[in-house]
Amino acid sequence: MEYRVLGCFGGEAPGHGLSSFLLDGTLLIDTGSATAVLDLPSQARIDSVLLTHSHLDHSRGLAHLADNVFGLRRVPVAVYSIEPVLDGLKASLLNNIVWPDFTEIVDAHGPVLTFQSLPEDRPTRLGAFSITPVRVHHTVACVAYLVEREGRALLHIGDTGPTDQVWQVARQARDLRGVVVETSFPSRLQGLAEASGHLTPETLEGELAKLGRDVPVFVYHLKPQFVAEILRELRDRFGSGVRILEQGATYEF
């Protein structure tokens, strides 16, 4: 799988794009910076969008993607998540108040977007991919995605505080090539991280102890104002044992 990092930060500032990841050019995980990075032909190639949760830093690009690809595709872009996430988007983003509902706006080929709910903890086939959503701990409904293709697996975890079930999935996944997990705040702000459903290097250490296998771990979602501090702490705690996702980079899993 080709995994392109369009944006990987937990806030927006110059040089710090919001979370969005493109797999094999056609499957988008979260939409934070997608339309700021991808040209229009690349946006029009996206067949499926997986949303981890409804918070704006992960979902807002969906509004602009729908606007940009209007009239450029023969089939709708299919937007997937668990039902509570999709309900939140319909109520608070594509609600014809904040932004038009592009599941109702049609071009010559039909609606621009379709919303399709995924069953939790069960794989669903999306083209060449198998997708399994797993609930994680956040302030709103949020999931990780186990993404499998041609015998290879990647676990992409949305915003989360300490959680358990996703690590059981990681331990059992066949041919797991990588885990992508957030770390939003330095450990000195542990109280804020707990209140907002995020990890610090301290709680990340406890989470990775649950992994129980030797798999590359990639960290993302650092808040821009704390990047240098978090990086120092990650190096002190893990050395080279975890990697930091590089914005603009492409990884093979």
Foldseek 3Di string as FASTA:
>chain_A
DKKFFQAFAQDDDVVHWFGWIDDPLAEIEFFQCVVVRDDLVSLLNHQEYEYFAQDNSRHVRVQVSLVSCAPVDLDAREYEEAPQRVVCCCVPPCVCPNGPNQQCDADPRHGNYDYDYDDAPDWDDDPQWTWHWHFAAFPGTGTWIWIDGPQATEIEGDFAFDGAPVLVVLQPDGNYAEYEFEAAAAVVVVVVCVVGGHHHLVRVVVNVVSNPDQHAYEYGHYHVVCVVVRVVVCCVVQNVRYHYDDNRDMDDD
